[in-house]
Amino acid sequence: RSSDLFDLGEAGVRVDCALMKCASTTYENGKVEWSVRTSDGKTTVLPLGGNEAIEVSELQGHKKFELSASLSGGKEDVAWQHSQLFRMPISNKTDFPFEI
């Protein structure tokens, strides 16, 4: 599991509208599940993983949230390679796999 905490409290702002793009790539039977946990403790599984941004209305009004990716699956001694976050071609200079 990999998590990032976003805290807007010191800036004195709250989320009004959030668009997220969090690309992931899987091979074999690898899996990636994205979720967001708001400051009130509510966790929501998000349909992220592709190259399109989605609106995350669950964040509206919050000052703090945690974005998590749970990686699972894979086969044998290379299982760790079968679930990847933010994979992109080295030649790509304009389309980034992580945007909020």
PDB file of N, CA and C in Angstrom:
ATOM      1  N   ARG A   1       0.851  -1.181   0.000  1.00  0.00           N
ATOM      2  CA  ARG A   1       0.000   0.000   0.000  1.00  0.00           C
ATOM      3  C   ARG A   1       0.887   1.231   0.000  1.00  0.00           C
ATOM      4  N   SER A   2       0.513   2.178  -0.819  1.00  0.00           N
ATOM      5  CA  SER A   2       1.230   3.446  -0.897  1.00  0.00           C
ATOM      6  C   SER A   2       0.213   4.563  -0.673  1.00  0.00           C
ATOM      7  N   SER A   3       0.545   5.512   0.203  1.00  0.00           N
ATOM      8  CA  SER A   3      -0.390   6.588   0.531  1.00  0.00           C
ATOM      9  C   SER A   3       0.299   7.936   0.527  1.00  0.00           C
ATOM     10  N   ASP A   4      -0.466   8.956   0.152  1.00  0.00           N
ATOM     11  CA  ASP A   4      -0.014  10.347   0.234  1.00  0.00           C
ATOM     12  C   ASP A   4      -1.072  11.145   0.967  1.00  0.00           C
ATOM     13  N   LEU A   5      -0.630  11.975   1.907  1.00  0.00           N
ATOM     14  CA  LEU A   5      -1.530  12.828   2.672  1.00  0.00           C
ATOM     15  C   LEU A   5      -1.443  14.248   2.120  1.00  0.00           C
ATOM     16  N   PHE A   6      -2.583  14.821   1.805  1.00  0.00           N
ATOM     17  CA  PHE A   6      -2.661  16.191   1.315  1.00  0.00           C
ATOM     18  C   PHE A   6      -3.347  17.023   2.383  1.00  0.00           C
ATOM     19  N   ASP A   7      -2.654  18.054   2.873  1.00  0.00           N
ATOM     20  CA  ASP A   7      -3.170  18.900   3.951  1.00  0.00           C
ATOM     21  C   ASP A   7      -3.161  20.352   3.479  1.00  0.00           C
ATOM     22  N   LEU A   8      -4.351  20.890   3.265  1.00  0.00           N
ATOM     23  CA  LEU A   8      -4.502  22.264   2.787  1.00  0.00           C
ATOM     24  C   LEU A   8      -4.792  23.234   3.918  1.00  0.00           C
ATOM     25  N   GLY A   9      -4.795  22.727   5.141  1.00  0.00           N
ATOM     26  CA  GLY A   9      -5.169  23.518   6.308  1.00  0.00           C
ATOM     27  C   GLY A   9      -4.331  24.761   6.516  1.00  0.00           C
ATOM     28  N   GLU A  10      -3.018  24.649   6.358  1.00  0.00           N
ATOM     29  CA  GLU A  10      -2.143  25.803   6.577  1.00  0.00           C
ATOM     30  C   GLU A  10      -2.373  26.900   5.533  1.00  0.00           C
ATOM     31  N   ALA A  11      -2.844  26.504   4.362  1.00  0.00           N
ATOM     32  CA  ALA A  11      -3.135  27.485   3.311  1.00  0.00           C
ATOM     33  C   ALA A  11      -4.483  28.164   3.543  1.00  0.00           C
ATOM     34  N   GLY A  12      -5.270  27.622   4.475  1.00  0.00           N
ATOM     35  CA  GLY A  12      -6.563  28.215   4.799  1.00  0.00           C
ATOM     36  C   GLY A  12      -7.621  27.999   3.735  1.00  0.00           C
ATOM     37  N   VAL A  13      -7.494  26.911   2.981  1.00  0.00           N
ATOM     38  CA  VAL A  13      -8.475  26.627   1.930  1.00  0.00           C
ATOM     39  C   VAL A  13      -9.071  25.244   2.121  1.00  0.00           C
ATOM     40  N   ARG A  14     -10.186  25.024   1.463  1.00  0.00           N
ATOM     41  CA  ARG A  14     -10.853  23.724   1.429  1.00  0.00           C
ATOM     42  C   ARG A  14     -11.013  23.318  -0.031  1.00  0.00           C
ATOM     43  N   VAL A  15     -11.176  22.031  -0.251  1.00  0.00           N
ATOM     44  CA  VAL A  15     -11.400  21.538  -1.608  1.00  0.00           C
ATOM     45  C   VAL A  15     -12.776  21.984  -2.072  1.00  0.00           C
ATOM     46  N   ASP A  16     -12.820  22.587  -3.240  1.00  0.00           N
ATOM     47  CA  ASP A  16     -14.083  22.961  -3.860  1.00  0.00           C
ATOM     48  C   ASP A  16     -14.453  21.911  -4.902  1.00  0.00           C
ATOM     49  N   CYS A  17     -13.513  21.627  -5.793  1.00  0.00           N
ATOM     50  CA  CYS A  17     -13.714  20.642  -6.843  1.00  0.00           C
ATOM     51  C   CYS A  17     -12.376  19.943  -7.062  1.00  0.00           C
ATOM     52  N   ALA A  18     -12.377  18.624  -7.116  1.00  0.00           N
ATOM     53  CA  ALA A  18     -11.128  17.885  -7.300  1.00  0.00           C
ATOM     54  C   ALA A  18     -11.216  16.986  -8.513  1.00  0.00           C
ATOM     55  N   LEU A  19     -10.248  17.126  -9.404  1.00  0.00           N
ATOM     56  CA  LEU A  19     -10.083  16.217 -10.537  1.00  0.00           C
ATOM     57  C   LEU A  19      -8.799  15.441 -10.300  1.00  0.00           C
ATOM     58  N   MET A  20      -8.858  14.125 -10.474  1.00  0.00           N
ATOM     59  CA  MET A  20      -7.688  13.282 -10.245  1.00  0.00           C
ATOM     60  C   MET A  20      -7.444  12.375 -11.431  1.00  0.00           C
ATOM     61  N   LYS A  21      -6.163  12.226 -11.740  1.00  0.00           N
ATOM     62  CA  LYS A  21      -5.717  11.208 -12.691  1.00  0.00           C
ATOM     63  C   LYS A  21      -4.559  10.481 -12.033  1.00  0.00           C
ATOM     64  N   CYS A  22      -4.715   9.206 -11.835  1.00  0.00           N
ATOM     65  CA  CYS A  22      -3.693   8.378 -11.194  1.00  0.00           C
ATOM     66  C   CYS A  22      -3.572   7.094 -12.010  1.00  0.00           C
ATOM     67  N   ALA A  23      -2.657   7.092 -12.946  1.00  0.00           N
ATOM     68  CA  ALA A  23      -2.506   5.948 -13.841  1.00  0.00           C
ATOM     69  C   ALA A  23      -1.801   4.793 -13.146  1.00  0.00           C
ATOM     70  N   SER A  24      -2.209   3.590 -13.502  1.00  0.00           N
ATOM     71  CA  SER A  24      -1.537   2.385 -13.020  1.00  0.00           C
ATOM     72  C   SER A  24      -1.579   1.345 -14.136  1.00  0.00           C
ATOM     73  N   THR A  25      -0.631   0.438 -14.085  1.00  0.00           N
ATOM     74  CA  THR A  25      -0.524  -0.615 -15.084  1.00  0.00           C
ATOM     75  C   THR A  25      -0.430  -1.943 -14.360  1.00  0.00           C
ATOM     76  N   THR A  26      -1.134  -2.945 -14.878  1.00  0.00           N
ATOM     77  CA  THR A  26      -1.067  -4.274 -14.271  1.00  0.00           C
ATOM     78  C   THR A  26      -0.746  -5.318 -15.337  1.00  0.00           C
ATOM     79  N   TYR A  27      -0.101  -6.382 -14.888  1.00  0.00           N
ATOM     80  CA  TYR A  27       0.237  -7.522 -15.730  1.00  0.00           C
ATOM     81  C   TYR A  27      -0.173  -8.783 -14.996  1.00  0.00           C
ATOM     82  N   GLU A  28      -0.307  -9.871 -15.775  1.00  0.00           N
ATOM     83  CA  GLU A  28      -0.715 -11.149 -15.191  1.00  0.00           C
ATOM     84  C   GLU A  28      -1.987 -10.928 -14.372  1.00  0.00           C
ATOM     85  N   ASN A  29      -1.976 -11.268 -13.091  1.00  0.00           N
ATOM     86  CA  ASN A  29      -3.160 -11.072 -12.248  1.00  0.00           C
ATOM     87  C   ASN A  29      -2.943  -9.944 -11.221  1.00  0.00           C
ATOM     88  N   GLY A  30      -2.046  -9.010 -11.541  1.00  0.00           N
ATOM     89  CA  GLY A  30      -1.812  -7.876 -10.648  1.00  0.00           C
ATOM     90  C   GLY A  30      -3.042  -6.983 -10.560  1.00  0.00           C
ATOM     91  N   LYS A  31      -3.203  -6.318  -9.421  1.00  0.00           N
ATOM     92  CA  LYS A  31      -4.351  -5.438  -9.189  1.00  0.00           C
ATOM     93  C   LYS A  31      -3.896  -4.181  -8.462  1.00  0.00           C
ATOM     94  N   VAL A  32      -4.547  -3.073  -8.784  1.00  0.00           N
ATOM     95  CA  VAL A  32      -4.344  -1.812  -8.073  1.00  0.00           C
ATOM     96  C   VAL A  32      -5.725  -1.276  -7.710  1.00  0.00           C
ATOM     97  N   GLU A  33      -5.924  -0.965  -6.431  1.00  0.00           N
ATOM     98  CA  GLU A  33      -7.184  -0.375  -5.986  1.00  0.00           C
ATOM     99  C   GLU A  33      -6.872   0.982  -5.358  1.00  0.00           C
ATOM    100  N   TRP A  34      -7.466   2.023  -5.922  1.00  0.00           N
ATOM    101  CA  TRP A  34      -7.273   3.393  -5.429  1.00  0.00           C
ATOM    102  C   TRP A  34      -8.400   3.743  -4.470  1.00  0.00           C
ATOM    103  N   SER A  35      -8.070   4.479  -3.415  1.00  0.00           N
ATOM    104  CA  SER A  35      -9.093   4.953  -2.483  1.00  0.00           C
ATOM    105  C   SER A  35      -8.678   6.305  -1.919  1.00  0.00           C
ATOM    106  N   VAL A  36      -9.667   7.011  -1.423  1.00  0.00           N
ATOM    107  CA  VAL A  36      -9.421   8.292  -0.772  1.00  0.00           C
ATOM    108  C   VAL A  36     -10.113   8.270   0.585  1.00  0.00           C
ATOM    109  N   ARG A  37      -9.410   8.766   1.605  1.00  0.00           N
ATOM    110  CA  ARG A  37      -9.973   8.870   2.960  1.00  0.00           C
ATOM    111  C   ARG A  37      -9.998  10.335   3.334  1.00  0.00           C
ATOM    112  N   THR A  38     -11.174  10.821   3.674  1.00  0.00           N
ATOM    113  CA  THR A  38     -11.344  12.231   4.018  1.00  0.00           C
ATOM    114  C   THR A  38     -11.071  12.463   5.498  1.00  0.00           C
ATOM    115  N   SER A  39     -11.011  13.721   5.876  1.00  0.00           N
ATOM    116  CA  SER A  39     -10.679  14.085   7.258  1.00  0.00           C
ATOM    117  C   SER A  39     -11.715  13.595   8.273  1.00  0.00           C
ATOM    118  N   ASP A  40     -12.918  13.257   7.816  1.00  0.00           N
ATOM    119  CA  ASP A  40     -13.923  12.714   8.741  1.00  0.00           C
ATOM    120  C   ASP A  40     -13.860  11.185   8.826  1.00  0.00           C
ATOM    121  N   GLY A  41     -12.841  10.588   8.179  1.00  0.00           N
ATOM    122  CA  GLY A  41     -12.627   9.147   8.280  1.00  0.00           C
ATOM    123  C   GLY A  41     -13.346   8.309   7.249  1.00  0.00           C
ATOM    124  N   LYS A  42     -14.098   8.925   6.335  1.00  0.00           N
ATOM    125  CA  LYS A  42     -14.830   8.161   5.326  1.00  0.00           C
ATOM    126  C   LYS A  42     -13.879   7.761   4.198  1.00  0.00           C
ATOM    127  N   THR A  43     -13.876   6.468   3.870  1.00  0.00           N
ATOM    128  CA  THR A  43     -13.037   5.952   2.788  1.00  0.00           C
ATOM    129  C   THR A  43     -13.911   5.580   1.606  1.00  0.00           C
ATOM    130  N   THR A  44     -13.484   5.994   0.409  1.00  0.00           N
ATOM    131  CA  THR A  44     -14.208   5.708  -0.821  1.00  0.00           C
ATOM    132  C   THR A  44     -13.247   5.103  -1.835  1.00  0.00           C
ATOM    133  N   VAL A  45     -13.630   3.967  -2.416  1.00  0.00           N
ATOM    134  CA  VAL A  45     -12.844   3.364  -3.496  1.00  0.00           C
ATOM    135  C   VAL A  45     -13.119   4.161  -4.761  1.00  0.00           C
ATOM    136  N   LEU A  46     -12.054   4.493  -5.487  1.00  0.00           N
ATOM    137  CA  LEU A  46     -12.169   5.332  -6.678  1.00  0.00           C
ATOM    138  C   LEU A  46     -11.874   4.536  -7.945  1.00  0.00           C
ATOM    139  N   PRO A  47     -12.595   4.833  -9.027  1.00  0.00           N
ATOM    140  CA  PRO A  47     -12.344   4.152 -10.309  1.00  0.00           C
ATOM    141  C   PRO A  47     -11.187   4.794 -11.066  1.00  0.00           C
ATOM    142  N   LEU A  48     -10.031   4.864 -10.435  1.00  0.00           N
ATOM    143  CA  LEU A  48      -8.840   5.441 -11.058  1.00  0.00           C
ATOM    144  C   LEU A  48      -7.993   4.331 -11.669  1.00  0.00           C
ATOM    145  N   GLY A  49      -6.994   4.726 -12.404  1.00  0.00           N
ATOM    146  CA  GLY A  49      -6.072   3.759 -12.971  1.00  0.00           C
ATOM    147  C   GLY A  49      -5.824   3.986 -14.444  1.00  0.00           C
ATOM    148  N   GLY A  50      -6.749   4.670 -15.102  1.00  0.00           N
ATOM    149  CA  GLY A  50      -6.590   4.953 -16.524  1.00  0.00           C
ATOM    150  C   GLY A  50      -5.897   6.282 -16.750  1.00  0.00           C
ATOM    151  N   ASN A  51      -5.972   6.753 -17.972  1.00  0.00           N
ATOM    152  CA  ASN A  51      -5.319   8.014 -18.326  1.00  0.00           C
ATOM    153  C   ASN A  51      -6.284   9.195 -18.360  1.00  0.00           C
ATOM    154  N   GLU A  52      -7.482   9.002 -17.859  1.00  0.00           N
ATOM    155  CA  GLU A  52      -8.476  10.070 -17.829  1.00  0.00           C
ATOM    156  C   GLU A  52      -8.689  10.546 -16.398  1.00  0.00           C
ATOM    157  N   ALA A  53      -8.863  11.852 -16.244  1.00  0.00           N
ATOM    158  CA  ALA A  53      -9.145  12.425 -14.924  1.00  0.00           C
ATOM    159  C   ALA A  53     -10.616  12.206 -14.580  1.00  0.00           C
ATOM    160  N   ILE A  54     -10.886  11.996 -13.299  1.00  0.00           N
ATOM    161  CA  ILE A  54     -12.266  11.887 -12.833  1.00  0.00           C
ATOM    162  C   ILE A  54     -12.491  12.932 -11.746  1.00  0.00           C
ATOM    163  N   GLU A  55     -13.732  13.350 -11.605  1.00  0.00           N
ATOM    164  CA  GLU A  55     -14.086  14.270 -10.524  1.00  0.00           C
ATOM    165  C   GLU A  55     -14.314  13.453  -9.255  1.00  0.00           C
ATOM    166  N   VAL A  56     -13.729  13.907  -8.159  1.00  0.00           N
ATOM    167  CA  VAL A  56     -13.870  13.220  -6.875  1.00  0.00           C
ATOM    168  C   VAL A  56     -14.660  14.140  -5.945  1.00  0.00           C
ATOM    169  N   SER A  57     -15.972  14.025  -6.004  1.00  0.00           N
ATOM    170  CA  SER A  57     -16.857  14.911  -5.247  1.00  0.00           C
ATOM    171  C   SER A  57     -16.778  14.668  -3.744  1.00  0.00           C
ATOM    172  N   GLU A  58     -16.297  13.491  -3.338  1.00  0.00           N
ATOM    173  CA  GLU A  58     -16.192  13.159  -1.914  1.00  0.00           C
ATOM    174  C   GLU A  58     -15.247  14.098  -1.168  1.00  0.00           C
ATOM    175  N   LEU A  59     -14.375  14.791  -1.879  1.00  0.00           N
ATOM    176  CA  LEU A  59     -13.403  15.679  -1.236  1.00  0.00           C
ATOM    177  C   LEU A  59     -13.935  17.084  -0.990  1.00  0.00           C
ATOM    178  N   GLN A  60     -15.065  17.411  -1.559  1.00  0.00           N
ATOM    179  CA  GLN A  60     -15.601  18.763  -1.435  1.00  0.00           C
ATOM    180  C   GLN A  60     -15.787  19.160   0.029  1.00  0.00           C
ATOM    181  N   GLY A  61     -15.232  20.318   0.380  1.00  0.00           N
ATOM    182  CA  GLY A  61     -15.362  20.863   1.725  1.00  0.00           C
ATOM    183  C   GLY A  61     -14.284  20.424   2.701  1.00  0.00           C
ATOM    184  N   HIS A  62     -13.413  19.515   2.288  1.00  0.00           N
ATOM    185  CA  HIS A  62     -12.372  19.006   3.193  1.00  0.00           C
ATOM    186  C   HIS A  62     -11.067  19.786   3.054  1.00  0.00           C
ATOM    187  N   LYS A  63     -10.331  19.878   4.154  1.00  0.00           N
ATOM    188  CA  LYS A  63      -9.009  20.509   4.180  1.00  0.00           C
ATOM    189  C   LYS A  63      -7.888  19.473   4.060  1.00  0.00           C
ATOM    190  N   LYS A  64      -8.214  18.233   4.389  1.00  0.00           N
ATOM    191  CA  LYS A  64      -7.199  17.185   4.424  1.00  0.00           C
ATOM    192  C   LYS A  64      -7.789  15.900   3.853  1.00  0.00           C
ATOM    193  N   PHE A  65      -6.961  15.182   3.068  1.00  0.00           N
ATOM    194  CA  PHE A  65      -7.377  13.875   2.575  1.00  0.00           C
ATOM    195  C   PHE A  65      -6.147  13.020   2.297  1.00  0.00           C
ATOM    196  N   GLU A  66      -6.371  11.710   2.287  1.00  0.00           N
ATOM    197  CA  GLU A  66      -5.305  10.755   2.014  1.00  0.00           C
ATOM    198  C   GLU A  66      -5.674   9.937   0.787  1.00  0.00           C
ATOM    199  N   LEU A  67      -4.785   9.901  -0.183  1.00  0.00           N
ATOM    200  CA  LEU A  67      -4.969   9.107  -1.392  1.00  0.00           C
ATOM    201  C   LEU A  67      -4.097   7.865  -1.269  1.00  0.00           C
ATOM    202  N   SER A  68      -4.694   6.688  -1.462  1.00  0.00           N
ATOM    203  CA  SER A  68      -3.961   5.425  -1.294  1.00  0.00           C
ATOM    204  C   SER A  68      -4.138   4.524  -2.502  1.00  0.00           C
ATOM    205  N   ALA A  69      -3.092   3.759  -2.775  1.00  0.00           N
ATOM    206  CA  ALA A  69      -3.135   2.715  -3.792  1.00  0.00           C
ATOM    207  C   ALA A  69      -2.735   1.411  -3.120  1.00  0.00           C
ATOM    208  N   SER A  70      -3.596   0.416  -3.205  1.00  0.00           N
ATOM    209  CA  SER A  70      -3.298  -0.916  -2.675  1.00  0.00           C
ATOM    210  C   SER A  70      -2.944  -1.818  -3.848  1.00  0.00           C
ATOM    211  N   LEU A  71      -1.738  -2.359  -3.817  1.00  0.00           N
ATOM    212  CA  LEU A  71      -1.250  -3.220  -4.881  1.00  0.00           C
ATOM    213  C   LEU A  71      -1.296  -4.663  -4.416  1.00  0.00           C
ATOM    214  N   SER A  72      -1.772  -5.555  -5.287  1.00  0.00           N
ATOM    215  CA  SER A  72      -1.864  -6.963  -4.915  1.00  0.00           C
ATOM    216  C   SER A  72      -1.733  -7.829  -6.165  1.00  0.00           C
ATOM    217  N   GLY A  73      -1.710  -9.112  -5.944  1.00  0.00           N
ATOM    218  CA  GLY A  73      -1.631 -10.073  -7.039  1.00  0.00           C
ATOM    219  C   GLY A  73      -0.207 -10.251  -7.536  1.00  0.00           C
ATOM    220  N   GLY A  74      -0.096 -10.716  -8.742  1.00  0.00           N
ATOM    221  CA  GLY A  74       1.201 -11.014  -9.321  1.00  0.00           C
ATOM    222  C   GLY A  74       1.548 -12.478  -9.122  1.00  0.00           C
ATOM    223  N   LYS A  75       2.549 -12.910  -9.860  1.00  0.00           N
ATOM    224  CA  LYS A  75       2.911 -14.328  -9.821  1.00  0.00           C
ATOM    225  C   LYS A  75       4.378 -14.525  -9.479  1.00  0.00           C
ATOM    226  N   GLU A  76       4.585 -15.480  -8.627  1.00  0.00           N
ATOM    227  CA  GLU A  76       5.905 -16.000  -8.276  1.00  0.00           C
ATOM    228  C   GLU A  76       6.867 -14.915  -7.790  1.00  0.00           C
ATOM    229  N   ASP A  77       8.146 -15.069  -8.098  1.00  0.00           N
ATOM    230  CA  ASP A  77       9.156 -14.158  -7.555  1.00  0.00           C
ATOM    231  C   ASP A  77       9.198 -12.804  -8.240  1.00  0.00           C
ATOM    232  N   VAL A  78       8.390 -12.600  -9.275  1.00  0.00           N
ATOM    233  CA  VAL A  78       8.320 -11.291  -9.937  1.00  0.00           C
ATOM    234  C   VAL A  78       6.956 -10.634  -9.707  1.00  0.00           C
ATOM    235  N   ALA A  79       6.242 -11.068  -8.673  1.00  0.00           N
ATOM    236  CA  ALA A  79       4.907 -10.526  -8.374  1.00  0.00           C
ATOM    237  C   ALA A  79       4.940  -9.015  -8.185  1.00  0.00           C
ATOM    238  N   TRP A  80       6.025  -8.504  -7.630  1.00  0.00           N
ATOM    239  CA  TRP A  80       6.145  -7.068  -7.371  1.00  0.00           C
ATOM    240  C   TRP A  80       6.110  -6.244  -8.658  1.00  0.00           C
ATOM    241  N   GLN A  81       6.389  -6.852  -9.804  1.00  0.00           N
ATOM    242  CA  GLN A  81       6.380  -6.135 -11.083  1.00  0.00           C
ATOM    243  C   GLN A  81       4.991  -6.075 -11.719  1.00  0.00           C
ATOM    244  N   HIS A  82       4.048  -6.834 -11.232  1.00  0.00           N
ATOM    245  CA  HIS A  82       2.766  -6.980 -11.901  1.00  0.00           C
ATOM    246  C   HIS A  82       1.727  -5.923 -11.531  1.00  0.00           C
ATOM    247  N   SER A  83       2.056  -5.034 -10.623  1.00  0.00           N
ATOM    248  CA  SER A  83       1.201  -3.895 -10.274  1.00  0.00           C
ATOM    249  C   SER A  83       2.102  -2.667 -10.199  1.00  0.00           C
ATOM    250  N   GLN A  84       1.916  -1.732 -11.120  1.00  0.00           N
ATOM    251  CA  GLN A  84       2.808  -0.578 -11.191  1.00  0.00           C
ATOM    252  C   GLN A  84       2.022   0.723 -11.189  1.00  0.00           C
ATOM    253  N   LEU A  85       2.544   1.708 -10.453  1.00  0.00           N
ATOM    254  CA  LEU A  85       1.931   3.030 -10.390  1.00  0.00           C
ATOM    255  C   LEU A  85       2.714   4.008 -11.262  1.00  0.00           C
ATOM    256  N   PHE A  86       1.997   4.858 -11.959  1.00  0.00           N
ATOM    257  CA  PHE A  86       2.566   5.999 -12.686  1.00  0.00           C
ATOM    258  C   PHE A  86       3.570   5.612 -13.772  1.00  0.00           C
ATOM    259  N   ARG A  87       3.406   4.474 -14.386  1.00  0.00           N
ATOM    260  CA  ARG A  87       4.294   4.040 -15.466  1.00  0.00           C
ATOM    261  C   ARG A  87       4.051   4.912 -16.694  1.00  0.00           C
ATOM    262  N   MET A  88       5.148   5.353 -17.324  1.00  0.00           N
ATOM    263  CA  MET A  88       5.039   6.163 -18.535  1.00  0.00           C
ATOM    264  C   MET A  88       6.297   5.998 -19.380  1.00  0.00           C
ATOM    265  N   PRO A  89       6.161   6.172 -20.697  1.00  0.00           N
ATOM    266  CA  PRO A  89       7.334   6.079 -21.562  1.00  0.00           C
ATOM    267  C   PRO A  89       8.317   7.209 -21.250  1.00  0.00           C
ATOM    268  N   ILE A  90       9.587   6.919 -21.317  1.00  0.00           N
ATOM    269  CA  ILE A  90      10.604   7.926 -21.030  1.00  0.00           C
ATOM    270  C   ILE A  90      10.550   9.076 -22.038  1.00  0.00           C
ATOM    271  N   SER A  91      10.038   8.813 -23.225  1.00  0.00           N
ATOM    272  CA  SER A  91       9.952   9.842 -24.269  1.00  0.00           C
ATOM    273  C   SER A  91       8.779  10.803 -24.064  1.00  0.00           C
ATOM    274  N   ASN A  92       7.856  10.469 -23.168  1.00  0.00           N
ATOM    275  CA  ASN A  92       6.675  11.296 -22.921  1.00  0.00           C
ATOM    276  C   ASN A  92       7.059  12.494 -22.054  1.00  0.00           C
ATOM    277  N   LYS A  93       6.912  13.678 -22.608  1.00  0.00           N
ATOM    278  CA  LYS A  93       7.287  14.902 -21.878  1.00  0.00           C
ATOM    279  C   LYS A  93       6.082  15.789 -21.556  1.00  0.00           C
ATOM    280  N   THR A  94       4.869  15.354 -21.939  1.00  0.00           N
ATOM    281  CA  THR A  94       3.715  16.240 -21.767  1.00  0.00           C
ATOM    282  C   THR A  94       2.527  15.626 -21.046  1.00  0.00           C
ATOM    283  N   ASP A  95       2.396  14.312 -21.047  1.00  0.00           N
ATOM    284  CA  ASP A  95       1.240  13.662 -20.432  1.00  0.00           C
ATOM    285  C   ASP A  95       1.702  12.901 -19.203  1.00  0.00           C
ATOM    286  N   PHE A  96       1.380  13.418 -18.033  1.00  0.00           N
ATOM    287  CA  PHE A  96       1.891  12.853 -16.791  1.00  0.00           C
ATOM    288  C   PHE A  96       0.844  11.916 -16.160  1.00  0.00           C
ATOM    289  N   PRO A  97       1.287  10.831 -15.532  1.00  0.00           N
ATOM    290  CA  PRO A  97       0.361   9.838 -15.016  1.00  0.00           C
ATOM    291  C   PRO A  97      -0.256  10.160 -13.650  1.00  0.00           C
ATOM    292  N   PHE A  98       0.144  11.288 -13.041  1.00  0.00           N
ATOM    293  CA  PHE A  98      -0.408  11.658 -11.735  1.00  0.00           C
ATOM    294  C   PHE A  98      -0.740  13.143 -11.736  1.00  0.00           C
ATOM    295  N   GLU A  99      -2.022  13.450 -11.615  1.00  0.00           N
ATOM    296  CA  GLU A  99      -2.463  14.850 -11.579  1.00  0.00           C
ATOM    297  C   GLU A  99      -3.613  14.989 -10.599  1.00  0.00           C
ATOM    298  N   ILE A 100      -3.546  16.056  -9.805  1.00  0.00           N
ATOM    299  CA  ILE A 100      -4.661  16.387  -8.907  1.00  0.00           C
ATOM    300  C   ILE A 100      -4.962  17.852  -9.098  1.00  0.00           C
TER     301      ILE A 100
END
